[in-house]
Amino acid sequence: MAPSVLFLADPREDYVADSLFHGLRSVLGDRAVDFPKREFLYSSFPAEQRERLYGRGFSIYGQLEDIEVDRDRPLERMAAGEFDLVVVGTIWRDWHWWRDVRAGAPSDTRLAVVDGADVPWMYPYGPTWWRSPRGWLLPRAHRRAAYFKREWTPATGRLRWYGLAPGAVADRLPLHEIAISYPEEKLASEAPPKRQQFPAHVVDPELAARLPDASSGYAFSDEAAYTDDLRASRFGITTRKAGWDAMRHYELAANGAVPCFRDLDEKPARCAPHGLEPGQNCLSYRDADDLLAQVEAVTGERYGQLVEGALQWASGNTTRRRAEQFLQTLGLTA
């Protein structure tokens, strides 16, 4: 029988938590229980409200079938051993769920916490928690639960040890990698026909200033138009924002636009996104002149190889695949 999973996270948008739960529900059906209900993930969520979500609700929101799920008395059922796995989906923000889980979960229940924050420090270390004495005494999670960290950089270990441990020692953290993911049903099945070099939405302001009709702000209010624009584009632009990982990377690749990632070579190896390799499934560039020169040199068969690499990378980062990897890491299979 498939494992039963209780997924605890306050109902606010978080791409890592939301895409992971999308995958768990896709894999496990009603055995994946979200509490509180993540209303915005379901097809029953009103379209007019979806437009007010982060990223205008594109990509993963409003997609899940709103099946009947038993969400009654989840913590009591957890304490009774009903769930094989309990996940705290946004520990960087909703650490109160970890406090409840730590106090009430049976010793043989698998526990996992997901840290999708844009910052490198882990709960409860770093400036977020050091500002208040209350944060100094919060129950640690990595000592009892599997800890999944998105923005995992060398600073993660240094801050965990308050800067006192040597680099090699500080870097030995019992963490697991995790990243944003994308619904497999939205992936392009093959490279779409192209009619333009770049999409209308170019998130790098320096490059946008060099391209006619490009905008560095939101260019679409309709997801279908946004997707069509990406699929018509040979290349798509993405950058580091607050953190290295962003839904933008996956949207580009999944729709057959080769991701062009500014300063990708500076990303720490264990920090999401994982698996983007310049020259194989994306381009890495330093500035607008560098990218425009690279793009001009990519023609014919070489471009086809890049597009195929991008689509393969996207297919390895679907919500379903991410959920399967997550469960496998915890010794569970669907």
C-alpha atoms as a PDB file:
ATOM      1  CA  MET A   1       0.000   0.000   0.000  1.00  0.00           C
ATOM      2  CA  ALA A   2       1.154   3.521  -0.731  1.00  0.00           C
ATOM      3  CA  PRO A   3       2.389   5.452   2.315  1.00  0.00           C
ATOM      4  CA  SER A   4       0.112   7.921   4.058  1.00  0.00           C
ATOM      5  CA  VAL A   5       1.536  11.432   4.367  1.00  0.00           C
ATOM      6  CA  LEU A   6       0.444  14.370   6.510  1.00  0.00           C
ATOM      7  CA  PHE A   7       1.647  17.652   5.009  1.00  0.00           C
ATOM      8  CA  LEU A   8       1.564  20.566   7.455  1.00  0.00           C
ATOM      9  CA  ALA A   9       2.020  24.130   6.212  1.00  0.00           C
ATOM     10  CA  ASP A  10       0.084  27.347   6.657  1.00  0.00           C
ATOM     11  CA  PRO A  11      -1.900  28.189   3.482  1.00  0.00           C
ATOM     12  CA  ARG A  12       0.348  30.807   1.916  1.00  0.00           C
ATOM     13  CA  GLU A  13       2.193  30.458  -1.368  1.00  0.00           C
ATOM     14  CA  ASP A  14       5.601  28.790  -1.356  1.00  0.00           C
ATOM     15  CA  TYR A  15       6.855  27.322  -4.627  1.00  0.00           C
ATOM     16  CA  VAL A  16       8.918  24.558  -3.028  1.00  0.00           C
ATOM     17  CA  ALA A  17       6.178  23.384  -0.662  1.00  0.00           C
ATOM     18  CA  ASP A  18       3.390  23.830  -3.197  1.00  0.00           C
ATOM     19  CA  SER A  19       5.131  21.986  -6.014  1.00  0.00           C
ATOM     20  CA  LEU A  20       6.192  19.198  -3.639  1.00  0.00           C
ATOM     21  CA  PHE A  21       2.639  18.731  -2.385  1.00  0.00           C
ATOM     22  CA  HIS A  22       1.321  18.862  -5.955  1.00  0.00           C
ATOM     23  CA  GLY A  23       3.620  15.919  -6.667  1.00  0.00           C
ATOM     24  CA  LEU A  24       2.694  14.009  -3.514  1.00  0.00           C
ATOM     25  CA  ARG A  25      -0.994  14.313  -4.329  1.00  0.00           C
ATOM     26  CA  SER A  26      -0.319  13.255  -7.929  1.00  0.00           C
ATOM     27  CA  VAL A  27       1.522  10.157  -6.697  1.00  0.00           C
ATOM     28  CA  LEU A  28      -0.454   9.230  -3.577  1.00  0.00           C
ATOM     29  CA  GLY A  29      -3.971  10.537  -4.194  1.00  0.00           C
ATOM     30  CA  ASP A  30      -6.023  10.993  -1.023  1.00  0.00           C
ATOM     31  CA  ARG A  31      -3.244   9.406   1.065  1.00  0.00           C
ATOM     32  CA  ALA A  32      -1.468  12.778   0.837  1.00  0.00           C
ATOM     33  CA  VAL A  33      -3.305  14.983   3.354  1.00  0.00           C
ATOM     34  CA  ASP A  34      -2.701  18.737   3.332  1.00  0.00           C
ATOM     35  CA  PHE A  35      -3.567  20.563   6.524  1.00  0.00           C
ATOM     36  CA  PRO A  36      -4.731  23.224   6.432  1.00  0.00           C
ATOM     37  CA  LYS A  37      -6.085  22.666   2.934  1.00  0.00           C
ATOM     38  CA  ARG A  38      -3.932  24.415   0.332  1.00  0.00           C
ATOM     39  CA  GLU A  39      -6.969  25.895  -1.394  1.00  0.00           C
ATOM     40  CA  PHE A  40      -5.050  27.693  -4.136  1.00  0.00           C
ATOM     41  CA  LEU A  41      -3.631  24.431  -5.517  1.00  0.00           C
ATOM     42  CA  TYR A  42      -7.072  23.112  -6.468  1.00  0.00           C
ATOM     43  CA  SER A  43      -9.140  23.584  -9.610  1.00  0.00           C
ATOM     44  CA  SER A  44     -12.002  24.768  -7.377  1.00  0.00           C
ATOM     45  CA  PHE A  45     -10.027  27.875  -6.389  1.00  0.00           C
ATOM     46  CA  PRO A  46     -11.729  30.944  -7.948  1.00  0.00           C
ATOM     47  CA  ALA A  47      -9.959  32.265 -11.046  1.00  0.00           C
ATOM     48  CA  GLU A  48     -10.313  35.885  -9.935  1.00  0.00           C
ATOM     49  CA  GLN A  49      -8.482  35.087  -6.685  1.00  0.00           C
ATOM     50  CA  ARG A  50      -5.822  33.056  -8.445  1.00  0.00           C
ATOM     51  CA  GLU A  51      -4.746  36.170 -10.341  1.00  0.00           C
ATOM     52  CA  ARG A  52      -3.767  37.747  -7.014  1.00  0.00           C
ATOM     53  CA  LEU A  53      -1.391  34.921  -6.087  1.00  0.00           C
ATOM     54  CA  TYR A  54       2.377  35.217  -6.367  1.00  0.00           C
ATOM     55  CA  GLY A  55       3.393  35.030 -10.028  1.00  0.00           C
ATOM     56  CA  ARG A  56      -0.283  35.594 -10.923  1.00  0.00           C
ATOM     57  CA  GLY A  57      -0.975  31.979 -10.045  1.00  0.00           C
ATOM     58  CA  PHE A  58       0.765  30.579 -13.123  1.00  0.00           C
ATOM     59  CA  SER A  59       2.305  27.088 -13.385  1.00  0.00           C
ATOM     60  CA  ILE A  60       1.190  25.051 -10.357  1.00  0.00           C
ATOM     61  CA  TYR A  61      -1.848  26.816  -8.924  1.00  0.00           C
ATOM     62  CA  GLY A  62      -5.431  25.803  -9.616  1.00  0.00           C
ATOM     63  CA  GLN A  63      -4.347  22.455 -11.062  1.00  0.00           C
ATOM     64  CA  LEU A  64      -5.223  19.658  -8.607  1.00  0.00           C
ATOM     65  CA  GLU A  65      -8.556  17.891  -8.715  1.00  0.00           C
ATOM     66  CA  ASP A  66     -10.417  18.723  -5.514  1.00  0.00           C
ATOM     67  CA  ILE A  67     -10.965  15.148  -4.333  1.00  0.00           C
ATOM     68  CA  GLU A  68     -12.424  14.241  -0.949  1.00  0.00           C
ATOM     69  CA  VAL A  69      -9.703  14.066   1.709  1.00  0.00           C
ATOM     70  CA  ASP A  70     -10.063  13.406   5.430  1.00  0.00           C
ATOM     71  CA  ARG A  71      -8.484  16.409   7.170  1.00  0.00           C
ATOM     72  CA  ASP A  72     -10.233  15.877  10.510  1.00  0.00           C
ATOM     73  CA  ARG A  73      -8.094  15.917  13.698  1.00  0.00           C
ATOM     74  CA  PRO A  74      -4.725  15.546  11.914  1.00  0.00           C
ATOM     75  CA  LEU A  75      -2.477  15.919  14.960  1.00  0.00           C
ATOM     76  CA  GLU A  76      -4.495  13.413  16.973  1.00  0.00           C
ATOM     77  CA  ARG A  77      -4.302  10.950  14.105  1.00  0.00           C
ATOM     78  CA  MET A  78      -0.572  11.600  13.833  1.00  0.00           C
ATOM     79  CA  ALA A  79      -0.148  10.829  17.532  1.00  0.00           C
ATOM     80  CA  ALA A  80      -2.090   7.596  17.031  1.00  0.00           C
ATOM     81  CA  GLY A  81       0.391   6.522  14.338  1.00  0.00           C
ATOM     82  CA  GLU A  82      -1.980   6.811  11.385  1.00  0.00           C
ATOM     83  CA  PHE A  83       0.577   8.475   9.094  1.00  0.00           C
ATOM     84  CA  ASP A  84       3.746   6.877   7.751  1.00  0.00           C
ATOM     85  CA  LEU A  85       5.323  10.271   7.155  1.00  0.00           C
ATOM     86  CA  VAL A  86       4.718  13.743   8.550  1.00  0.00           C
ATOM     87  CA  VAL A  87       6.105  16.684   6.577  1.00  0.00           C
ATOM     88  CA  VAL A  88       6.494  20.241   7.827  1.00  0.00           C
ATOM     89  CA  GLY A  89       6.370  21.949   4.446  1.00  0.00           C
ATOM     90  CA  THR A  90       7.601  25.468   5.256  1.00  0.00           C
ATOM     91  CA  ILE A  91       9.682  25.269   8.406  1.00  0.00           C
ATOM     92  CA  TRP A  92      11.468  28.528   7.598  1.00  0.00           C
ATOM     93  CA  ARG A  93       8.110  30.301   8.107  1.00  0.00           C
ATOM     94  CA  ASP A  94       5.768  27.952   9.981  1.00  0.00           C
ATOM     95  CA  TRP A  95       8.063  26.411  12.560  1.00  0.00           C
ATOM     96  CA  HIS A  96       5.128  26.121  14.981  1.00  0.00           C
ATOM     97  CA  TRP A  97       4.129  22.951  13.098  1.00  0.00           C
ATOM     98  CA  TRP A  98       7.516  21.415  13.867  1.00  0.00           C
ATOM     99  CA  ARG A  99       7.028  22.140  17.549  1.00  0.00           C
ATOM    100  CA  ASP A 100       3.713  20.253  17.452  1.00  0.00           C
ATOM    101  CA  VAL A 101       5.116  17.366  15.413  1.00  0.00           C
ATOM    102  CA  ARG A 102       8.185  16.963  17.604  1.00  0.00           C
ATOM    103  CA  ALA A 103       6.000  16.799  20.701  1.00  0.00           C
ATOM    104  CA  GLY A 104       3.347  14.441  19.382  1.00  0.00           C
ATOM    105  CA  ALA A 105       4.657  12.147  16.635  1.00  0.00           C
ATOM    106  CA  PRO A 106       5.369   8.497  17.556  1.00  0.00           C
ATOM    107  CA  SER A 107       9.028   7.514  17.494  1.00  0.00           C
ATOM    108  CA  ASP A 108       8.538   5.208  14.503  1.00  0.00           C
ATOM    109  CA  THR A 109       6.846   7.828  12.304  1.00  0.00           C
ATOM    110  CA  ARG A 110       9.131   9.246   9.641  1.00  0.00           C
ATOM    111  CA  LEU A 111       9.539  13.011   9.882  1.00  0.00           C
ATOM    112  CA  ALA A 112      10.701  15.513   7.292  1.00  0.00           C
ATOM    113  CA  VAL A 113      11.009  19.280   7.203  1.00  0.00           C
ATOM    114  CA  VAL A 114      11.256  21.354   4.035  1.00  0.00           C
ATOM    115  CA  ASP A 115      13.165  24.627   3.976  1.00  0.00           C
ATOM    116  CA  GLY A 116      12.398  26.479   0.770  1.00  0.00           C
ATOM    117  CA  ALA A 117      13.532  29.875   2.046  1.00  0.00           C
ATOM    118  CA  ASP A 118      15.484  32.231  -0.198  1.00  0.00           C
ATOM    119  CA  VAL A 119      18.170  32.569   2.473  1.00  0.00           C
ATOM    120  CA  PRO A 120      21.117  30.181   3.054  1.00  0.00           C
ATOM    121  CA  TRP A 121      20.710  29.739   6.783  1.00  0.00           C
ATOM    122  CA  MET A 122      18.695  26.833   8.123  1.00  0.00           C
ATOM    123  CA  TYR A 123      16.118  26.775  10.917  1.00  0.00           C
ATOM    124  CA  PRO A 124      16.701  27.923  13.674  1.00  0.00           C
ATOM    125  CA  TYR A 125      20.073  29.479  12.871  1.00  0.00           C
ATOM    126  CA  GLY A 126      20.983  32.765  11.254  1.00  0.00           C
ATOM    127  CA  PRO A 127      19.623  36.322  11.526  1.00  0.00           C
ATOM    128  CA  THR A 128      15.974  35.293  11.264  1.00  0.00           C
ATOM    129  CA  TRP A 129      16.116  33.614  14.674  1.00  0.00           C
ATOM    130  CA  TRP A 130      19.084  35.310  16.326  1.00  0.00           C
ATOM    131  CA  ARG A 131      17.250  38.621  16.549  1.00  0.00           C
ATOM    132  CA  SER A 132      15.032  37.329  19.343  1.00  0.00           C
ATOM    133  CA  PRO A 133      16.003  35.328  22.455  1.00  0.00           C
ATOM    134  CA  ARG A 134      12.913  33.192  21.834  1.00  0.00           C
ATOM    135  CA  GLY A 135      14.579  31.825  18.721  1.00  0.00           C
ATOM    136  CA  TRP A 136      17.595  30.586  20.672  1.00  0.00           C
ATOM    137  CA  LEU A 137      15.560  27.864  22.378  1.00  0.00           C
ATOM    138  CA  LEU A 138      13.458  26.596  19.492  1.00  0.00           C
ATOM    139  CA  PRO A 139      13.531  22.798  19.048  1.00  0.00           C
ATOM    140  CA  ARG A 140      16.045  21.733  16.418  1.00  0.00           C
ATOM    141  CA  ALA A 141      14.710  19.856  13.416  1.00  0.00           C
ATOM    142  CA  HIS A 142      17.766  18.377  11.691  1.00  0.00           C
ATOM    143  CA  ARG A 143      18.501  16.169  14.726  1.00  0.00           C
ATOM    144  CA  ARG A 144      15.259  14.211  14.447  1.00  0.00           C
ATOM    145  CA  ALA A 145      13.825  14.843  10.993  1.00  0.00           C
ATOM    146  CA  ALA A 146      15.178  14.604   7.456  1.00  0.00           C
ATOM    147  CA  TYR A 147      15.952  18.211   6.570  1.00  0.00           C
ATOM    148  CA  PHE A 148      15.485  19.295   2.931  1.00  0.00           C
ATOM    149  CA  LYS A 149      17.169  22.589   2.043  1.00  0.00           C
ATOM    150  CA  ARG A 150      16.809  24.585  -1.180  1.00  0.00           C
ATOM    151  CA  GLU A 151      19.309  27.465  -0.797  1.00  0.00           C
ATOM    152  CA  TRP A 152      22.207  25.316   0.437  1.00  0.00           C
ATOM    153  CA  THR A 153      25.425  27.299   0.178  1.00  0.00           C
ATOM    154  CA  PRO A 154      28.759  27.372   2.070  1.00  0.00           C
ATOM    155  CA  ALA A 155      27.149  29.981   4.343  1.00  0.00           C
ATOM    156  CA  THR A 156      24.630  27.351   5.516  1.00  0.00           C
ATOM    157  CA  GLY A 157      27.293  25.444   7.437  1.00  0.00           C
ATOM    158  CA  ARG A 158      29.102  28.523   8.703  1.00  0.00           C
ATOM    159  CA  LEU A 159      25.920  29.951  10.174  1.00  0.00           C
ATOM    160  CA  ARG A 160      24.895  26.578  11.631  1.00  0.00           C
ATOM    161  CA  TRP A 161      28.108  26.607  13.673  1.00  0.00           C
ATOM    162  CA  TYR A 162      27.971  30.349  14.421  1.00  0.00           C
ATOM    163  CA  GLY A 163      31.113  30.861  12.349  1.00  0.00           C
ATOM    164  CA  LEU A 164      33.222  28.926  14.862  1.00  0.00           C
ATOM    165  CA  ALA A 165      33.880  25.676  12.970  1.00  0.00           C
ATOM    166  CA  PRO A 166      36.486  25.274  10.209  1.00  0.00           C
ATOM    167  CA  GLY A 167      35.040  25.238   6.697  1.00  0.00           C
ATOM    168  CA  ALA A 168      35.402  21.496   6.095  1.00  0.00           C
ATOM    169  CA  VAL A 169      33.761  20.688   9.428  1.00  0.00           C
ATOM    170  CA  ALA A 170      31.012  23.289   9.101  1.00  0.00           C
ATOM    171  CA  ASP A 171      30.102  21.945   5.675  1.00  0.00           C
ATOM    172  CA  ARG A 172      29.241  18.489   7.007  1.00  0.00           C
ATOM    173  CA  LEU A 173      25.533  18.980   7.429  1.00  0.00           C
ATOM    174  CA  PRO A 174      22.877  16.237   7.535  1.00  0.00           C
ATOM    175  CA  LEU A 175      20.804  17.908   4.822  1.00  0.00           C
ATOM    176  CA  HIS A 176      19.112  16.808   1.611  1.00  0.00           C
ATOM    177  CA  GLU A 177      18.746  18.821  -1.576  1.00  0.00           C
ATOM    178  CA  ILE A 178      15.353  19.981  -2.820  1.00  0.00           C
ATOM    179  CA  ALA A 179      14.134  22.398  -5.473  1.00  0.00           C
ATOM    180  CA  ILE A 180      11.054  23.827  -7.126  1.00  0.00           C
ATOM    181  CA  SER A 181       9.331  21.518  -9.628  1.00  0.00           C
ATOM    182  CA  TYR A 182       6.832  21.808 -12.493  1.00  0.00           C
ATOM    183  CA  PRO A 183       3.669  19.851 -13.424  1.00  0.00           C
ATOM    184  CA  GLU A 184       4.437  17.145 -15.978  1.00  0.00           C
ATOM    185  CA  GLU A 185       1.100  17.659 -17.716  1.00  0.00           C
ATOM    186  CA  LYS A 186       2.269  21.136 -18.765  1.00  0.00           C
ATOM    187  CA  LEU A 187       5.533  20.038 -20.380  1.00  0.00           C
ATOM    188  CA  ALA A 188       5.922  20.478 -24.122  1.00  0.00           C
ATOM    189  CA  SER A 189       6.129  17.011 -25.678  1.00  0.00           C
ATOM    190  CA  GLU A 190       8.677  18.209 -28.236  1.00  0.00           C
ATOM    191  CA  ALA A 191      10.459  21.362 -29.310  1.00  0.00           C
ATOM    192  CA  PRO A 192       7.744  23.817 -30.425  1.00  0.00           C
ATOM    193  CA  PRO A 193       8.025  25.855 -33.660  1.00  0.00           C
ATOM    194  CA  LYS A 194       9.904  29.111 -33.136  1.00  0.00           C
ATOM    195  CA  ARG A 195       9.049  32.577 -34.417  1.00  0.00           C
ATOM    196  CA  GLN A 196      11.220  34.816 -32.193  1.00  0.00           C
ATOM    197  CA  GLN A 197      14.591  34.907 -30.464  1.00  0.00           C
ATOM    198  CA  PHE A 198      13.439  35.982 -26.987  1.00  0.00           C
ATOM    199  CA  PRO A 199      10.103  36.173 -25.127  1.00  0.00           C
ATOM    200  CA  ALA A 200       8.361  39.419 -24.242  1.00  0.00           C
ATOM    201  CA  HIS A 201       9.228  39.031 -20.542  1.00  0.00           C
ATOM    202  CA  VAL A 202      12.988  39.473 -20.087  1.00  0.00           C
ATOM    203  CA  VAL A 203      13.842  39.507 -16.390  1.00  0.00           C
ATOM    204  CA  ASP A 204      17.366  40.893 -16.852  1.00  0.00           C
ATOM    205  CA  PRO A 205      16.919  44.700 -17.072  1.00  0.00           C
ATOM    206  CA  GLU A 206      20.256  45.187 -18.853  1.00  0.00           C
ATOM    207  CA  LEU A 207      19.263  42.782 -21.612  1.00  0.00           C
ATOM    208  CA  ALA A 208      15.665  44.043 -21.774  1.00  0.00           C
ATOM    209  CA  ALA A 209      16.991  47.533 -22.510  1.00  0.00           C
ATOM    210  CA  ARG A 210      18.775  46.107 -25.566  1.00  0.00           C
ATOM    211  CA  LEU A 211      15.776  44.299 -27.021  1.00  0.00           C
ATOM    212  CA  PRO A 212      12.848  46.019 -28.765  1.00  0.00           C
ATOM    213  CA  ASP A 213       9.440  45.360 -27.190  1.00  0.00           C
ATOM    214  CA  ALA A 214      10.958  43.478 -24.227  1.00  0.00           C
ATOM    215  CA  SER A 215       9.793  44.141 -20.673  1.00  0.00           C
ATOM    216  CA  SER A 216      11.562  43.286 -17.416  1.00  0.00           C
ATOM    217  CA  GLY A 217       8.211  43.408 -15.556  1.00  0.00           C
ATOM    218  CA  TYR A 218       5.179  41.151 -15.883  1.00  0.00           C
ATOM    219  CA  ALA A 219       4.151  41.073 -19.544  1.00  0.00           C
ATOM    220  CA  PHE A 220       1.126  38.765 -19.334  1.00  0.00           C
ATOM    221  CA  SER A 221      -1.991  38.416 -17.211  1.00  0.00           C
ATOM    222  CA  ASP A 222      -3.082  35.237 -18.995  1.00  0.00           C
ATOM    223  CA  GLU A 223      -1.102  32.019 -18.524  1.00  0.00           C
ATOM    224  CA  ALA A 224      -1.972  30.616 -21.947  1.00  0.00           C
ATOM    225  CA  ALA A 225      -0.553  33.716 -23.638  1.00  0.00           C
ATOM    226  CA  TYR A 226       2.541  33.559 -21.426  1.00  0.00           C
ATOM    227  CA  THR A 227       3.105  29.902 -22.296  1.00  0.00           C
ATOM    228  CA  ASP A 228       2.583  30.529 -26.003  1.00  0.00           C
ATOM    229  CA  ASP A 229       5.163  33.318 -25.911  1.00  0.00           C
ATOM    230  CA  LEU A 230       7.712  31.038 -24.222  1.00  0.00           C
ATOM    231  CA  ARG A 231       7.102  28.204 -26.679  1.00  0.00           C
ATOM    232  CA  ALA A 232       7.560  30.562 -29.620  1.00  0.00           C
ATOM    233  CA  SER A 233      10.941  31.731 -28.270  1.00  0.00           C
ATOM    234  CA  ARG A 234      14.298  30.130 -29.036  1.00  0.00           C
ATOM    235  CA  PHE A 235      15.820  31.378 -25.767  1.00  0.00           C
ATOM    236  CA  GLY A 236      14.480  32.535 -22.411  1.00  0.00           C
ATOM    237  CA  ILE A 237      16.158  34.713 -19.809  1.00  0.00           C
ATOM    238  CA  THR A 238      16.455  33.904 -16.137  1.00  0.00           C
ATOM    239  CA  THR A 239      18.545  35.216 -13.256  1.00  0.00           C
ATOM    240  CA  ARG A 240      19.168  34.815  -9.597  1.00  0.00           C
ATOM    241  CA  LYS A 241      16.517  36.689  -7.620  1.00  0.00           C
ATOM    242  CA  ALA A 242      16.280  36.615  -3.813  1.00  0.00           C
ATOM    243  CA  GLY A 243      17.647  33.063  -4.080  1.00  0.00           C
ATOM    244  CA  TRP A 244      19.161  31.024  -6.893  1.00  0.00           C
ATOM    245  CA  ASP A 245      16.099  28.864  -7.522  1.00  0.00           C
ATOM    246  CA  ALA A 246      13.009  30.239  -9.276  1.00  0.00           C
ATOM    247  CA  MET A 247       9.949  28.891 -11.068  1.00  0.00           C
ATOM    248  CA  ARG A 248      11.106  30.843 -14.108  1.00  0.00           C
ATOM    249  CA  HIS A 249      13.924  28.324 -14.789  1.00  0.00           C
ATOM    250  CA  TYR A 250      11.467  25.431 -15.021  1.00  0.00           C
ATOM    251  CA  GLU A 251       8.850  27.332 -17.023  1.00  0.00           C
ATOM    252  CA  LEU A 252      11.400  28.156 -19.715  1.00  0.00           C
ATOM    253  CA  ALA A 253      12.791  24.648 -20.071  1.00  0.00           C
ATOM    254  CA  ALA A 254       9.387  22.946 -19.853  1.00  0.00           C
ATOM    255  CA  ASN A 255       8.110  25.062 -22.731  1.00  0.00           C
ATOM    256  CA  GLY A 256      11.073  24.447 -24.995  1.00  0.00           C
ATOM    257  CA  ALA A 257      12.922  27.760 -24.612  1.00  0.00           C
ATOM    258  CA  VAL A 258      16.627  27.280 -23.848  1.00  0.00           C
ATOM    259  CA  PRO A 259      17.274  28.876 -20.413  1.00  0.00           C
ATOM    260  CA  CYS A 260      19.900  31.622 -20.455  1.00  0.00           C
ATOM    261  CA  PHE A 261      20.970  32.042 -16.831  1.00  0.00           C
ATOM    262  CA  ARG A 262      23.002  35.088 -15.825  1.00  0.00           C
ATOM    263  CA  ASP A 263      26.067  34.144 -13.704  1.00  0.00           C
ATOM    264  CA  LEU A 264      24.992  30.515 -13.367  1.00  0.00           C
ATOM    265  CA  ASP A 265      28.669  29.563 -12.988  1.00  0.00           C
ATOM    266  CA  GLU A 266      28.645  31.325  -9.590  1.00  0.00           C
ATOM    267  CA  LYS A 267      25.888  29.125  -8.125  1.00  0.00           C
ATOM    268  CA  PRO A 268      27.050  26.838  -5.267  1.00  0.00           C
ATOM    269  CA  ALA A 269      26.946  23.194  -6.355  1.00  0.00           C
ATOM    270  CA  ARG A 270      24.412  21.959  -3.766  1.00  0.00           C
ATOM    271  CA  CYS A 271      22.104  24.933  -4.150  1.00  0.00           C
ATOM    272  CA  ALA A 272      19.020  24.577  -6.359  1.00  0.00           C
ATOM    273  CA  PRO A 273      18.469  24.476  -9.261  1.00  0.00           C
ATOM    274  CA  HIS A 274      20.341  21.232  -9.828  1.00  0.00           C
ATOM    275  CA  GLY A 275      21.428  19.760 -13.141  1.00  0.00           C
ATOM    276  CA  LEU A 276      21.602  22.844 -15.344  1.00  0.00           C
ATOM    277  CA  GLU A 277      24.774  22.461 -17.411  1.00  0.00           C
ATOM    278  CA  PRO A 278      25.878  25.333 -19.683  1.00  0.00           C
ATOM    279  CA  GLY A 279      26.315  24.133 -23.232  1.00  0.00           C
ATOM    280  CA  GLN A 280      24.179  21.043 -22.632  1.00  0.00           C
ATOM    281  CA  ASN A 281      20.751  22.277 -21.558  1.00  0.00           C
ATOM    282  CA  CYS A 282      21.205  26.021 -21.014  1.00  0.00           C
ATOM    283  CA  LEU A 283      23.538  28.970 -21.505  1.00  0.00           C
ATOM    284  CA  SER A 284      25.362  30.852 -18.758  1.00  0.00           C
ATOM    285  CA  TYR A 285      26.271  34.485 -19.427  1.00  0.00           C
ATOM    286  CA  ARG A 286      27.993  37.422 -17.704  1.00  0.00           C
ATOM    287  CA  ASP A 287      26.267  40.409 -19.331  1.00  0.00           C
ATOM    288  CA  ALA A 288      24.138  41.389 -22.307  1.00  0.00           C
ATOM    289  CA  ASP A 289      27.058  41.499 -24.768  1.00  0.00           C
ATOM    290  CA  ASP A 290      28.203  38.032 -23.720  1.00  0.00           C
ATOM    291  CA  LEU A 291      24.738  36.519 -24.147  1.00  0.00           C
ATOM    292  CA  LEU A 292      23.992  38.149 -27.490  1.00  0.00           C
ATOM    293  CA  ALA A 293      27.304  36.836 -28.835  1.00  0.00           C
ATOM    294  CA  GLN A 294      26.573  33.320 -27.583  1.00  0.00           C
ATOM    295  CA  VAL A 295      23.052  33.316 -28.992  1.00  0.00           C
ATOM    296  CA  GLU A 296      24.311  34.479 -32.400  1.00  0.00           C
ATOM    297  CA  ALA A 297      26.716  31.510 -32.486  1.00  0.00           C
ATOM    298  CA  VAL A 298      24.055  28.870 -31.696  1.00  0.00           C
ATOM    299  CA  THR A 299      22.535  27.632 -34.925  1.00  0.00           C
ATOM    300  CA  GLY A 300      21.056  24.527 -36.542  1.00  0.00           C
ATOM    301  CA  GLU A 301      21.883  21.194 -34.948  1.00  0.00           C
ATOM    302  CA  ARG A 302      23.560  22.837 -31.961  1.00  0.00           C
ATOM    303  CA  TYR A 303      20.355  24.646 -31.074  1.00  0.00           C
ATOM    304  CA  GLY A 304      18.349  21.433 -31.410  1.00  0.00           C
ATOM    305  CA  GLN A 305      20.680  19.740 -28.921  1.00  0.00           C
ATOM    306  CA  LEU A 306      20.220  22.543 -26.418  1.00  0.00           C
ATOM    307  CA  VAL A 307      16.430  22.446 -26.716  1.00  0.00           C
ATOM    308  CA  GLU A 308      16.376  18.675 -26.287  1.00  0.00           C
ATOM    309  CA  GLY A 309      18.635  18.995 -23.245  1.00  0.00           C
ATOM    310  CA  ALA A 310      16.353  21.635 -21.739  1.00  0.00           C
ATOM    311  CA  LEU A 311      13.249  19.486 -22.226  1.00  0.00           C
ATOM    312  CA  GLN A 312      15.005  16.476 -20.691  1.00  0.00           C
ATOM    313  CA  TRP A 313      16.048  18.578 -17.707  1.00  0.00           C
ATOM    314  CA  ALA A 314      12.475  19.785 -17.256  1.00  0.00           C
ATOM    315  CA  SER A 315      11.135  16.219 -17.427  1.00  0.00           C
ATOM    316  CA  GLY A 316      13.495  15.274 -14.593  1.00  0.00           C
ATOM    317  CA  ASN A 317      12.120  18.119 -12.477  1.00  0.00           C
ATOM    318  CA  THR A 318       8.387  17.499 -12.614  1.00  0.00           C
ATOM    319  CA  THR A 319       6.327  17.625  -9.442  1.00  0.00           C
ATOM    320  CA  ARG A 320       5.703  13.883  -9.704  1.00  0.00           C
ATOM    321  CA  ARG A 321       9.398  13.112 -10.073  1.00  0.00           C
ATOM    322  CA  ARG A 322      10.281  15.407  -7.175  1.00  0.00           C
ATOM    323  CA  ALA A 323       7.748  13.686  -4.928  1.00  0.00           C
ATOM    324  CA  GLU A 324       9.070  10.251  -5.888  1.00  0.00           C
ATOM    325  CA  GLN A 325      12.632  11.344  -5.115  1.00  0.00           C
ATOM    326  CA  PHE A 326      11.484  12.839  -1.819  1.00  0.00           C
ATOM    327  CA  LEU A 327       9.774   9.605  -0.762  1.00  0.00           C
ATOM    328  CA  GLN A 328      12.725   7.478  -1.883  1.00  0.00           C
ATOM    329  CA  THR A 329      15.103   9.569   0.222  1.00  0.00           C
ATOM    330  CA  LEU A 330      12.906   8.733   3.213  1.00  0.00           C
ATOM    331  CA  GLY A 331      12.806   5.012   2.397  1.00  0.00           C
ATOM    332  CA  LEU A 332       9.252   5.087   1.060  1.00  0.00           C
ATOM    333  CA  THR A 333       7.827   4.217  -2.357  1.00  0.00           C
ATOM    334  CA  ALA A 334       4.503   4.932  -3.954  1.00  0.00           C
END
